[in-house]
């Protein structure tokens, strides 16, 4: 299990090693934007502030989005504890 902090709200939840970030959030009752759950709509796009994720299939992100830490929560599988945000700011 990996711990996830959702900033700036400070919500916390856990994600099992086989779950995506989105699955863990929804299982914990955390309201998390989503629509298609396959990485096509970008509704679940969030920013990885700390930690590491991996993907079974690499999502369609530009190099600039990757550099700024954007991830698809519906496809991202945590490899460590995470801090994520829906905002662009680094002020955490």
C-alpha atoms as a PDB file:
ATOM      1  CA  UNK A   1       0.000   0.000   0.000  1.00  0.00           C
ATOM      2  CA  UNK A   2       1.181   3.470  -0.861  1.00  0.00           C
ATOM      3  CA  UNK A   3       0.024   6.657   0.839  1.00  0.00           C
ATOM      4  CA  UNK A   4      -1.202   9.548  -1.305  1.00  0.00           C
ATOM      5  CA  UNK A   5      -1.580  13.173  -0.212  1.00  0.00           C
ATOM      6  CA  UNK A   6      -3.864  15.223  -2.424  1.00  0.00           C
ATOM      7  CA  UNK A   7      -2.889  18.888  -2.270  1.00  0.00           C
ATOM      8  CA  UNK A   8      -3.776  21.579  -1.483  1.00  0.00           C
ATOM      9  CA  UNK A   9      -6.828  20.068   0.270  1.00  0.00           C
ATOM     10  CA  UNK A  10      -4.643  17.689   2.277  1.00  0.00           C
ATOM     11  CA  UNK A  11      -6.868  14.656   1.648  1.00  0.00           C
ATOM     12  CA  UNK A  12      -5.056  11.378   2.253  1.00  0.00           C
ATOM     13  CA  UNK A  13      -5.760   7.879   1.007  1.00  0.00           C
ATOM     14  CA  UNK A  14      -3.976   4.625   0.265  1.00  0.00           C
ATOM     15  CA  UNK A  15      -3.506   2.840  -3.031  1.00  0.00           C
ATOM     16  CA  UNK A  16      -2.790  -0.889  -3.300  1.00  0.00           C
ATOM     17  CA  UNK A  17       0.237  -1.911  -5.351  1.00  0.00           C
ATOM     18  CA  UNK A  18      -1.958  -3.199  -8.211  1.00  0.00           C
ATOM     19  CA  UNK A  19      -4.323  -0.183  -8.338  1.00  0.00           C
ATOM     20  CA  UNK A  20      -4.143   3.001 -10.337  1.00  0.00           C
ATOM     21  CA  UNK A  21      -4.108   6.304  -8.507  1.00  0.00           C
ATOM     22  CA  UNK A  22      -7.715   6.918  -9.611  1.00  0.00           C
ATOM     23  CA  UNK A  23      -8.909   3.478  -8.445  1.00  0.00           C
ATOM     24  CA  UNK A  24      -7.355   4.062  -5.030  1.00  0.00           C
ATOM     25  CA  UNK A  25      -8.956   7.487  -4.679  1.00  0.00           C
ATOM     26  CA  UNK A  26     -12.410   6.263  -5.680  1.00  0.00           C
ATOM     27  CA  UNK A  27     -12.134   3.185  -3.421  1.00  0.00           C
ATOM     28  CA  UNK A  28     -11.337   5.517  -0.520  1.00  0.00           C
ATOM     29  CA  UNK A  29     -14.347   7.726  -1.310  1.00  0.00           C
ATOM     30  CA  UNK A  30     -12.174  10.641  -2.441  1.00  0.00           C
ATOM     31  CA  UNK A  31     -13.899  12.776  -5.091  1.00  0.00           C
ATOM     32  CA  UNK A  32     -11.490  12.666  -8.015  1.00  0.00           C
ATOM     33  CA  UNK A  33     -12.359  14.048 -11.464  1.00  0.00           C
ATOM     34  CA  UNK A  34     -12.717  11.303 -14.048  1.00  0.00           C
ATOM     35  CA  UNK A  35     -14.755  10.381 -17.073  1.00  0.00           C
ATOM     36  CA  UNK A  36     -13.429   7.715 -19.428  1.00  0.00           C
ATOM     37  CA  UNK A  37     -10.947   5.957 -17.090  1.00  0.00           C
ATOM     38  CA  UNK A  38      -8.798   4.896 -20.062  1.00  0.00           C
ATOM     39  CA  UNK A  39      -6.572   7.960 -20.497  1.00  0.00           C
ATOM     40  CA  UNK A  40      -8.385   9.500 -23.452  1.00  0.00           C
ATOM     41  CA  UNK A  41     -10.318  12.429 -21.956  1.00  0.00           C
ATOM     42  CA  UNK A  42      -7.644  13.963 -19.642  1.00  0.00           C
ATOM     43  CA  UNK A  43     -10.273  14.683 -16.955  1.00  0.00           C
ATOM     44  CA  UNK A  44      -8.150  12.928 -14.303  1.00  0.00           C
ATOM     45  CA  UNK A  45      -4.935  14.746 -15.248  1.00  0.00           C
ATOM     46  CA  UNK A  46      -3.091  15.778 -12.100  1.00  0.00           C
ATOM     47  CA  UNK A  47       0.399  16.880 -11.176  1.00  0.00           C
ATOM     48  CA  UNK A  48       2.890  14.606  -9.437  1.00  0.00           C
ATOM     49  CA  UNK A  49       4.662  16.718  -6.804  1.00  0.00           C
ATOM     50  CA  UNK A  50       6.531  13.889  -5.040  1.00  0.00           C
ATOM     51  CA  UNK A  51       6.953  10.187  -5.650  1.00  0.00           C
ATOM     52  CA  UNK A  52       7.058   7.849  -8.613  1.00  0.00           C
ATOM     53  CA  UNK A  53       4.474   6.179 -10.823  1.00  0.00           C
ATOM     54  CA  UNK A  54       4.631   3.728 -13.699  1.00  0.00           C
ATOM     55  CA  UNK A  55       2.228   2.781 -16.487  1.00  0.00           C
ATOM     56  CA  UNK A  56       1.286  -0.429 -18.279  1.00  0.00           C
ATOM     57  CA  UNK A  57       0.798   1.700 -21.396  1.00  0.00           C
ATOM     58  CA  UNK A  58       2.524   5.080 -21.598  1.00  0.00           C
ATOM     59  CA  UNK A  59      -0.121   7.833 -21.818  1.00  0.00           C
ATOM     60  CA  UNK A  60      -0.210  10.489 -24.509  1.00  0.00           C
ATOM     61  CA  UNK A  61       1.538  13.389 -22.759  1.00  0.00           C
ATOM     62  CA  UNK A  62       3.699  16.026 -24.395  1.00  0.00           C
ATOM     63  CA  UNK A  63       7.313  16.359 -23.295  1.00  0.00           C
ATOM     64  CA  UNK A  64       6.425  19.678 -21.652  1.00  0.00           C
ATOM     65  CA  UNK A  65       3.562  18.054 -19.674  1.00  0.00           C
ATOM     66  CA  UNK A  66       5.908  15.287 -18.524  1.00  0.00           C
ATOM     67  CA  UNK A  67       8.549  17.845 -17.474  1.00  0.00           C
ATOM     68  CA  UNK A  68       5.935  19.665 -15.381  1.00  0.00           C
ATOM     69  CA  UNK A  69       4.911  16.420 -13.660  1.00  0.00           C
ATOM     70  CA  UNK A  70       1.460  15.892 -15.193  1.00  0.00           C
ATOM     71  CA  UNK A  71       0.146  12.328 -14.964  1.00  0.00           C
ATOM     72  CA  UNK A  72      -3.048  10.493 -15.886  1.00  0.00           C
ATOM     73  CA  UNK A  73      -4.446   9.223 -12.581  1.00  0.00           C
ATOM     74  CA  UNK A  74      -6.534   6.588 -14.362  1.00  0.00           C
ATOM     75  CA  UNK A  75      -3.373   4.967 -15.759  1.00  0.00           C
ATOM     76  CA  UNK A  76      -0.706   5.859 -13.163  1.00  0.00           C
ATOM     77  CA  UNK A  77       0.260   3.036 -10.808  1.00  0.00           C
ATOM     78  CA  UNK A  78       2.157   4.277  -7.744  1.00  0.00           C
ATOM     79  CA  UNK A  79       5.686   2.975  -7.177  1.00  0.00           C
ATOM     80  CA  UNK A  80       6.067   4.937  -3.918  1.00  0.00           C
ATOM     81  CA  UNK A  81       4.144   7.239  -1.603  1.00  0.00           C
ATOM     82  CA  UNK A  82       2.843  10.235  -3.578  1.00  0.00           C
ATOM     83  CA  UNK A  83       1.939  13.888  -3.277  1.00  0.00           C
ATOM     84  CA  UNK A  84      -0.323  15.020  -6.126  1.00  0.00           C
ATOM     85  CA  UNK A  85      -2.230  18.174  -6.993  1.00  0.00           C
ATOM     86  CA  UNK A  86      -4.754  19.431  -9.518  1.00  0.00           C
ATOM     87  CA  UNK A  87      -3.027  22.831  -9.478  1.00  0.00           C
ATOM     88  CA  UNK A  88       0.064  24.171 -11.232  1.00  0.00           C
ATOM     89  CA  UNK A  89       1.628  25.895  -8.231  1.00  0.00           C
ATOM     90  CA  UNK A  90       4.783  24.618  -6.536  1.00  0.00           C
ATOM     91  CA  UNK A  91       3.769  26.326  -3.272  1.00  0.00           C
ATOM     92  CA  UNK A  92       3.209  23.272  -1.057  1.00  0.00           C
END
